[in-house]
Amino acid sequence: MYTYSYLLDFTKQVFGKMGCSEKDAEIIADVFLAAELRGHASHGMIRIKDYYELWKAGRINVKPDVKVVHETPSTAVVDGDNAVGMVAARRSMEIAIEKAVTAGTGWVATNNSNHFGIAGYYSMMALRKDMIGICLTNANPLVAPTFSISRMMGTNPIAVAIPSLKQPPFVADFATTPIARGKLAVSEKKGEKVPFGYVQDKSGNPSNDPAILKSGGSMLTLGGDRIHGSHKGYCLSAIVDIFSAVFSGANFGPFVPPSVAYLPVLDKKVGKGTGHFFGAMRIDAFQPAGEFKSKMDEWIETFRSAIPAAGQEKVLIPGDPERECEERIMREGISLVPAIEKDLRDIASAIGVPFG
């Protein structure tokens, strides 16, 4: 079991050794550890190995010049300069919030970036400013459209954070697939199978093997199959891809540069790097903030009062599980799967940072 502060410091040291500035290393570590605290280990310490491999291969820029390349009073396009994704994403969301302060809303499309951790981190940045935050990103092409075996899309998450008055904020952060790719990796590290409906083999047959992606298999869109609405998951994923990539000038669909070793890096490019999309909406641009947040309390309380189904304790509001995890994990510590600990020890030894 590790404390939050220990893993935060370790992660900062690792990225510092890679050549990141102290400020950038702090941003990266903050996002990784936010994932661990919120119960999303799939986007936490397990991902350090992915970035370490990208760094060794010379595929990320640890001294980026993240900059606006096009803008209007309420919009901007940001070039992430092939940065570690957290660095480009954090600055992009800050710009969206700055735009919203003056224009009421702010919208930023980001290209030339990389994987950025949990999307909810960035949408939640807006909460401190009495704003609604929105974040989308495309990702490793490992997901097959409905009726297909071709790996064309990423898990393409959507995150929306909405402030309230007395109640905790509404925070929805979800992949447009039944499971995040990182959760498959965690299951593989644990030696566990996954439920059918998450992945298929290279011929399109149902599979429960979390490592099937390494042998040509693919992930399924939200819903799993057409009868259960996978076409709707496909639509959601497509919308995220278009907003994140076609809109920003990043690579879309199968051309997104992979951050996992078992996917080939394609020669063909249709844009620059991985793409993200960020939005910030000032509540008082629509109505008095206090009035809205009071109504959000009423909305939350109304849904909390829904009668639970048999065998269920209570009805949850988006953000409840993560908030409860934060409180428990900060108190009890962060547990790492042994296989992930080994990866971190190997990286620490290779890069000259103490661990364990």
Protein backbone atom coordinates (compact mmCIF):
# COMPACT_ATOMS: atom_id res chain seq x y z
CA MET A 1 0.00 0.00 0.00
CA TYR A 2 1.37 3.40 -0.99
CA THR A 3 0.46 6.88 0.14
CA TYR A 4 -0.80 9.46 -2.32
CA SER A 5 2.16 11.75 -1.62
CA TYR A 6 4.72 8.97 -2.20
CA LEU A 7 3.37 8.01 -5.62
CA LEU A 8 2.90 11.66 -6.57
CA ASP A 9 6.55 12.39 -5.77
CA PHE A 10 7.71 9.22 -7.55
CA THR A 11 5.79 10.12 -10.70
CA LYS A 12 7.19 13.65 -10.70
CA GLN A 13 10.71 12.23 -10.42
CA VAL A 14 10.16 9.80 -13.30
CA PHE A 15 8.95 12.49 -15.69
CA GLY A 16 11.63 14.86 -14.46
CA LYS A 17 14.23 12.25 -15.39
CA MET A 18 12.62 12.00 -18.82
CA GLY A 19 13.35 15.69 -19.26
CA CYS A 20 10.04 17.35 -18.37
CA SER A 21 10.12 20.69 -16.58
CA GLU A 22 9.21 20.69 -12.90
CA LYS A 23 5.88 22.36 -13.71
CA ASP A 24 5.00 19.84 -16.41
CA ALA A 25 6.03 16.89 -14.24
CA GLU A 26 3.73 18.19 -11.49
CA ILE A 27 0.81 18.44 -13.93
CA ILE A 28 1.40 14.92 -15.24
CA ALA A 29 1.70 13.44 -11.75
CA ASP A 30 -1.39 15.28 -10.55
CA VAL A 31 -3.50 13.74 -13.33
CA PHE A 32 -2.11 10.21 -12.85
CA LEU A 33 -2.79 10.33 -9.11
CA ALA A 34 -6.23 11.88 -9.58
CA ALA A 35 -7.09 8.74 -11.56
CA GLU A 36 -5.85 6.48 -8.76
CA LEU A 37 -7.78 8.42 -6.12
CA ARG A 38 -11.00 8.38 -8.12
CA GLY A 39 -10.85 4.61 -8.50
CA HIS A 40 -9.70 4.63 -12.13
CA ALA A 41 -6.47 2.66 -11.78
CA SER A 42 -6.79 1.97 -15.51
CA HIS A 43 -5.64 5.56 -16.10
CA GLY A 44 -3.21 5.83 -13.20
CA MET A 45 0.19 4.31 -12.45
CA ILE A 46 -0.28 1.55 -15.03
CA ARG A 47 0.02 4.18 -17.79
CA ILE A 48 3.51 5.31 -16.76
CA LYS A 49 4.95 2.35 -18.65
CA ASP A 50 3.17 3.47 -21.84
CA TYR A 51 4.73 6.92 -21.60
CA TYR A 52 8.11 5.51 -20.67
CA GLU A 53 8.05 3.39 -23.84
CA LEU A 54 6.95 6.38 -25.94
CA TRP A 55 9.79 8.42 -24.47
CA LYS A 56 12.37 5.70 -25.18
CA ALA A 57 11.11 5.51 -28.76
CA GLY A 58 11.47 9.28 -29.15
CA ARG A 59 7.75 9.68 -29.83
CA ILE A 60 6.92 12.42 -27.30
CA ASN A 61 8.26 15.93 -26.84
CA VAL A 62 9.23 16.61 -23.22
CA LYS A 63 10.03 20.27 -23.94
CA PRO A 64 6.86 21.32 -25.79
CA ASP A 65 5.74 24.76 -26.87
CA VAL A 66 1.96 24.42 -26.43
CA LYS A 67 0.38 27.33 -28.25
CA VAL A 68 -2.79 28.77 -29.76
CA VAL A 69 -2.65 28.63 -33.57
CA HIS A 70 -6.11 30.04 -34.31
CA GLU A 71 -8.69 31.83 -32.19
CA THR A 72 -11.80 33.97 -31.90
CA PRO A 73 -13.10 35.61 -28.70
CA SER A 74 -14.80 32.34 -27.64
CA THR A 75 -12.82 29.64 -29.49
CA ALA A 76 -9.26 28.46 -30.04
CA VAL A 77 -7.27 25.74 -31.74
CA VAL A 78 -4.25 24.61 -29.73
CA ASP A 79 -1.18 22.81 -31.08
CA GLY A 80 0.13 20.57 -28.30
CA ASP A 81 3.57 20.21 -29.93
CA ASN A 82 3.51 16.42 -29.32
CA ALA A 83 3.55 16.99 -25.55
CA VAL A 84 2.71 14.49 -22.87
CA GLY A 85 -1.07 14.71 -23.17
CA MET A 86 -1.68 16.09 -19.69
CA VAL A 87 0.42 19.16 -20.43
CA ALA A 88 -1.42 20.05 -23.65
CA ALA A 89 -4.82 19.22 -22.16
CA ARG A 90 -4.36 21.21 -18.96
CA ARG A 91 -3.34 24.33 -20.90
CA SER A 92 -6.20 23.85 -23.38
CA MET A 93 -8.81 23.68 -20.64
CA GLU A 94 -7.30 26.75 -18.97
CA ILE A 95 -7.73 28.61 -22.27
CA ALA A 96 -11.35 27.45 -22.57
CA ILE A 97 -12.03 28.77 -19.06
CA GLU A 98 -10.26 32.06 -19.83
CA LYS A 99 -12.40 32.46 -22.95
CA ALA A 100 -15.56 31.74 -20.97
CA VAL A 101 -14.70 34.40 -18.39
CA THR A 102 -14.91 37.11 -21.07
CA ALA A 103 -17.22 35.59 -23.70
CA GLY A 104 -19.60 33.49 -21.58
CA THR A 105 -18.45 30.23 -23.15
CA GLY A 106 -15.08 28.94 -24.30
CA TRP A 107 -14.33 26.13 -26.74
CA VAL A 108 -10.90 24.69 -27.54
CA ALA A 109 -9.97 22.02 -30.08
CA THR A 110 -6.49 20.56 -29.55
CA ASN A 111 -4.27 18.69 -31.99
CA ASN A 112 -0.75 17.24 -31.88
CA SER A 113 -1.23 15.81 -28.39
CA ASN A 114 -1.08 12.36 -26.76
CA HIS A 115 -3.05 10.32 -24.21
CA PHE A 116 -4.01 12.65 -21.34
CA GLY A 117 -5.26 10.47 -18.47
CA ILE A 118 -8.81 10.80 -17.14
CA ALA A 119 -11.09 13.19 -19.02
CA GLY A 120 -12.97 14.09 -15.84
CA TYR A 121 -9.89 15.86 -14.47
CA TYR A 122 -10.20 18.59 -17.10
CA SER A 123 -13.98 19.00 -17.02
CA MET A 124 -13.77 19.40 -13.23
CA MET A 125 -11.35 22.32 -13.60
CA ALA A 126 -14.35 24.45 -14.59
CA LEU A 127 -16.21 23.78 -11.33
CA ARG A 128 -13.99 26.16 -9.36
CA LYS A 129 -15.12 29.01 -11.63
CA ASP A 130 -18.87 28.31 -11.41
CA MET A 131 -18.74 26.86 -14.91
CA ILE A 132 -19.83 23.66 -16.59
CA GLY A 133 -16.85 21.77 -17.98
CA ILE A 134 -16.82 19.45 -20.99
CA CYS A 135 -13.98 17.26 -22.25
CA LEU A 136 -13.71 14.80 -25.16
CA THR A 137 -10.77 12.92 -26.66
CA ASN A 138 -10.04 10.29 -29.25
CA ALA A 139 -7.66 7.43 -28.45
CA ASN A 140 -5.85 4.26 -29.54
CA PRO A 141 -7.69 2.68 -32.51
CA LEU A 142 -8.77 -0.56 -30.86
CA VAL A 143 -12.57 -0.36 -31.19
CA ALA A 144 -14.58 -1.85 -34.04
CA PRO A 145 -17.70 -0.08 -35.34
CA THR A 146 -20.95 -2.04 -35.11
CA PHE A 147 -20.96 -4.99 -37.59
CA SER A 148 -17.18 -4.73 -38.10
CA ILE A 149 -13.93 -6.43 -37.05
CA SER A 150 -11.78 -3.47 -38.16
CA ARG A 151 -10.12 -1.49 -35.37
CA MET A 152 -11.19 2.02 -36.32
CA MET A 153 -11.83 4.07 -33.17
CA GLY A 154 -10.72 4.61 -29.60
CA THR A 155 -12.61 4.28 -26.34
CA ASN A 156 -13.27 8.03 -26.89
CA PRO A 157 -14.48 9.23 -23.48
CA ILE A 158 -16.93 12.01 -22.65
CA ALA A 159 -16.69 13.97 -19.40
CA VAL A 160 -19.10 16.63 -18.15
CA ALA A 161 -18.85 18.36 -14.76
CA ILE A 162 -21.73 20.50 -13.44
CA PRO A 163 -21.56 22.49 -10.19
CA SER A 164 -24.22 22.46 -7.50
CA LEU A 165 -24.80 24.44 -4.30
CA LYS A 166 -24.89 22.15 -1.25
CA GLN A 167 -24.77 18.80 -3.01
CA PRO A 168 -21.53 17.41 -4.49
CA PRO A 169 -21.11 18.28 -8.17
CA PHE A 170 -22.48 16.12 -10.97
CA VAL A 171 -19.47 14.56 -12.73
CA ALA A 172 -20.06 12.12 -15.60
CA ASP A 173 -16.85 10.62 -17.00
CA PHE A 174 -17.28 7.58 -19.21
CA ALA A 175 -15.87 5.76 -22.22
CA THR A 176 -18.04 5.13 -25.26
CA THR A 177 -17.16 1.45 -24.87
CA PRO A 178 -18.42 -0.95 -22.16
CA ILE A 179 -14.97 -0.89 -20.54
CA ALA A 180 -11.95 1.40 -20.76
CA ARG A 181 -8.90 -0.02 -22.54
CA GLY A 182 -6.86 0.47 -19.38
CA LYS A 183 -9.29 -1.65 -17.39
CA LEU A 184 -8.65 -4.49 -19.82
CA ALA A 185 -4.93 -4.03 -19.12
CA VAL A 186 -5.56 -4.14 -15.37
CA SER A 187 -7.60 -7.36 -15.74
CA GLU A 188 -4.79 -8.86 -17.79
CA LYS A 189 -2.24 -7.92 -15.11
CA LYS A 190 -4.47 -9.59 -12.50
CA GLY A 191 -4.93 -12.71 -14.62
CA GLU A 192 -8.69 -12.22 -14.74
CA LYS A 193 -11.22 -12.78 -17.53
CA VAL A 194 -13.70 -10.08 -18.55
CA PRO A 195 -17.44 -10.43 -19.26
CA PHE A 196 -18.52 -11.28 -22.78
CA GLY A 197 -19.71 -8.20 -24.66
CA TYR A 198 -16.54 -6.18 -24.05
CA VAL A 199 -14.19 -7.60 -26.72
CA GLN A 200 -14.17 -9.88 -29.74
CA ASP A 201 -11.45 -11.90 -31.44
CA LYS A 202 -9.99 -11.05 -34.85
CA SER A 203 -12.80 -12.97 -36.57
CA GLY A 204 -15.56 -11.21 -34.64
CA ASN A 205 -16.31 -14.03 -32.21
CA PRO A 206 -17.20 -13.09 -28.61
CA SER A 207 -14.25 -13.31 -26.22
CA ASN A 208 -13.61 -12.90 -22.50
CA ASP A 209 -9.82 -12.60 -22.89
CA PRO A 210 -8.59 -9.13 -21.82
CA ALA A 211 -5.39 -9.69 -23.84
CA ILE A 212 -7.25 -10.43 -27.08
CA LEU A 213 -6.27 -7.02 -28.48
CA LYS A 214 -2.66 -8.22 -28.70
CA SER A 215 -3.68 -10.98 -31.12
CA GLY A 216 -5.79 -8.89 -33.49
CA GLY A 217 -9.02 -8.70 -31.51
CA SER A 218 -10.98 -5.52 -30.95
CA MET A 219 -13.11 -3.77 -28.37
CA LEU A 220 -16.83 -3.29 -28.86
CA THR A 221 -18.75 -0.04 -28.66
CA LEU A 222 -21.08 0.76 -25.77
CA GLY A 223 -23.94 -1.71 -25.89
CA GLY A 224 -21.79 -4.62 -27.05
CA ASP A 225 -24.00 -5.69 -29.98
CA ARG A 226 -26.71 -4.23 -32.21
CA ILE A 227 -29.57 -5.72 -30.16
CA HIS A 228 -28.30 -3.95 -27.05
CA GLY A 229 -27.60 -0.63 -28.76
CA SER A 230 -23.99 -0.84 -29.91
CA HIS A 231 -24.94 1.41 -32.84
CA LYS A 232 -25.62 4.17 -30.29
CA GLY A 233 -22.20 3.63 -28.72
CA TYR A 234 -20.74 3.80 -32.22
CA CYS A 235 -22.50 7.13 -32.80
CA LEU A 236 -21.21 8.54 -29.50
CA SER A 237 -17.66 7.45 -30.30
CA ALA A 238 -17.89 8.93 -33.79
CA ILE A 239 -19.09 12.28 -32.42
CA VAL A 240 -16.16 12.41 -30.01
CA ASP A 241 -13.72 11.54 -32.83
CA ILE A 242 -15.08 14.25 -35.12
CA PHE A 243 -15.07 16.96 -32.44
CA SER A 244 -11.62 15.95 -31.18
CA ALA A 245 -9.86 15.34 -34.47
CA VAL A 246 -11.64 16.52 -37.60
CA PHE A 247 -12.45 19.80 -35.85
CA SER A 248 -8.94 20.31 -34.43
CA GLY A 249 -6.81 19.01 -37.28
CA ALA A 250 -5.61 15.94 -35.38
CA ASN A 251 -5.58 12.37 -36.67
CA PHE A 252 -8.97 10.69 -36.62
CA GLY A 253 -10.12 7.08 -36.25
CA PRO A 254 -7.59 4.45 -37.30
CA PHE A 255 -4.86 7.06 -37.87
CA VAL A 256 -4.59 8.13 -34.20
CA PRO A 257 -0.97 7.44 -33.14
CA PRO A 258 -1.02 4.52 -30.70
CA SER A 259 0.31 4.71 -27.16
CA VAL A 260 0.48 0.91 -26.79
CA ALA A 261 3.33 -1.21 -28.14
CA TYR A 262 1.17 -3.84 -29.86
CA LEU A 263 -0.36 -1.35 -32.31
CA PRO A 264 1.74 -0.36 -35.33
CA VAL A 265 2.52 3.28 -36.02
CA LEU A 266 0.99 3.95 -39.45
CA ASP A 267 2.92 5.82 -42.09
CA LYS A 268 -0.25 7.55 -43.25
CA LYS A 269 -1.31 10.63 -41.30
CA VAL A 270 -4.49 12.65 -41.76
CA GLY A 271 -3.64 15.23 -39.12
CA LYS A 272 -1.33 15.96 -36.20
CA GLY A 273 -1.16 13.64 -33.19
CA THR A 274 -4.08 12.81 -30.91
CA GLY A 275 -7.01 15.25 -30.64
CA HIS A 276 -9.06 16.64 -27.75
CA PHE A 277 -12.00 19.00 -27.36
CA PHE A 278 -12.75 21.18 -24.33
CA GLY A 279 -15.64 23.39 -23.34
CA ALA A 280 -16.36 25.77 -20.47
CA MET A 281 -19.74 27.47 -19.98
CA ARG A 282 -20.16 30.24 -17.43
CA ILE A 283 -23.40 29.58 -15.58
CA ASP A 284 -24.18 33.27 -15.10
CA ALA A 285 -24.06 33.69 -18.87
CA PHE A 286 -27.39 31.82 -18.83
CA GLN A 287 -28.88 32.56 -15.39
CA PRO A 288 -27.73 33.62 -11.92
CA ALA A 289 -25.22 31.03 -10.71
CA GLY A 290 -26.82 30.66 -7.28
CA GLU A 291 -30.22 30.03 -8.82
CA PHE A 292 -28.87 27.35 -11.15
CA LYS A 293 -26.85 25.60 -8.46
CA SER A 294 -29.85 25.56 -6.15
CA LYS A 295 -31.87 23.92 -8.93
CA MET A 296 -29.06 21.41 -9.45
CA ASP A 297 -29.33 20.52 -5.76
CA GLU A 298 -33.03 19.90 -6.29
CA TRP A 299 -32.29 17.77 -9.37
CA ILE A 300 -29.73 15.69 -7.48
CA GLU A 301 -31.99 15.28 -4.45
CA THR A 302 -34.87 14.22 -6.70
CA PHE A 303 -32.83 11.49 -8.35
CA ARG A 304 -31.35 10.37 -5.04
CA SER A 305 -34.91 9.76 -3.86
CA ALA A 306 -35.54 7.22 -6.64
CA ILE A 307 -36.60 3.88 -5.16
CA PRO A 308 -33.76 1.32 -5.43
CA ALA A 309 -34.39 -1.95 -7.22
CA ALA A 310 -34.39 -5.15 -5.17
CA GLY A 311 -30.91 -5.88 -3.87
CA GLN A 312 -29.63 -2.36 -4.45
CA GLU A 313 -28.79 0.01 -1.60
CA LYS A 314 -29.29 3.37 -3.28
CA VAL A 315 -29.44 5.26 -6.55
CA LEU A 316 -26.16 6.97 -7.44
CA ILE A 317 -25.53 10.36 -8.99
CA PRO A 318 -22.68 10.54 -11.53
CA GLY A 319 -19.54 11.34 -9.54
CA ASP A 320 -20.66 9.59 -6.33
CA PRO A 321 -18.50 6.44 -6.73
CA GLU A 322 -15.38 8.46 -7.56
CA ARG A 323 -15.89 10.84 -4.65
CA GLU A 324 -16.35 7.96 -2.23
CA CYS A 325 -13.19 6.34 -3.64
CA GLU A 326 -11.21 9.55 -3.14
CA GLU A 327 -12.15 9.70 0.53
CA ARG A 328 -11.38 6.02 1.16
CA ILE A 329 -8.17 5.78 -0.87
CA MET A 330 -6.72 8.99 0.53
CA ARG A 331 -7.34 7.54 3.99
CA GLU A 332 -6.26 3.94 3.39
CA GLY A 333 -3.61 4.33 0.67
CA ILE A 334 -3.21 3.21 -2.93
CA SER A 335 -2.91 -0.49 -3.68
CA LEU A 336 -1.02 -1.50 -6.83
CA VAL A 337 -1.33 -4.80 -8.68
CA PRO A 338 1.98 -6.74 -8.29
CA ALA A 339 2.56 -6.76 -12.06
CA ILE A 340 2.23 -2.97 -12.14
CA GLU A 341 4.61 -2.65 -9.18
CA LYS A 342 7.13 -4.71 -11.14
CA ASP A 343 6.79 -2.42 -14.16
CA LEU A 344 7.37 0.62 -11.95
CA ARG A 345 10.38 -0.98 -10.28
CA ASP A 346 11.89 -1.79 -13.68
CA ILE A 347 11.34 1.78 -14.89
CA ALA A 348 12.71 3.21 -11.64
CA SER A 349 15.85 1.07 -11.92
CA ALA A 350 16.39 1.97 -15.57
CA ILE A 351 15.86 5.68 -15.09
CA GLY A 352 17.62 6.08 -11.74
CA VAL A 353 14.72 6.84 -9.40
CA PRO A 354 14.10 5.03 -6.08
CA PHE A 355 10.87 3.05 -5.75
CA GLY A 356 9.41 0.85 -3.05
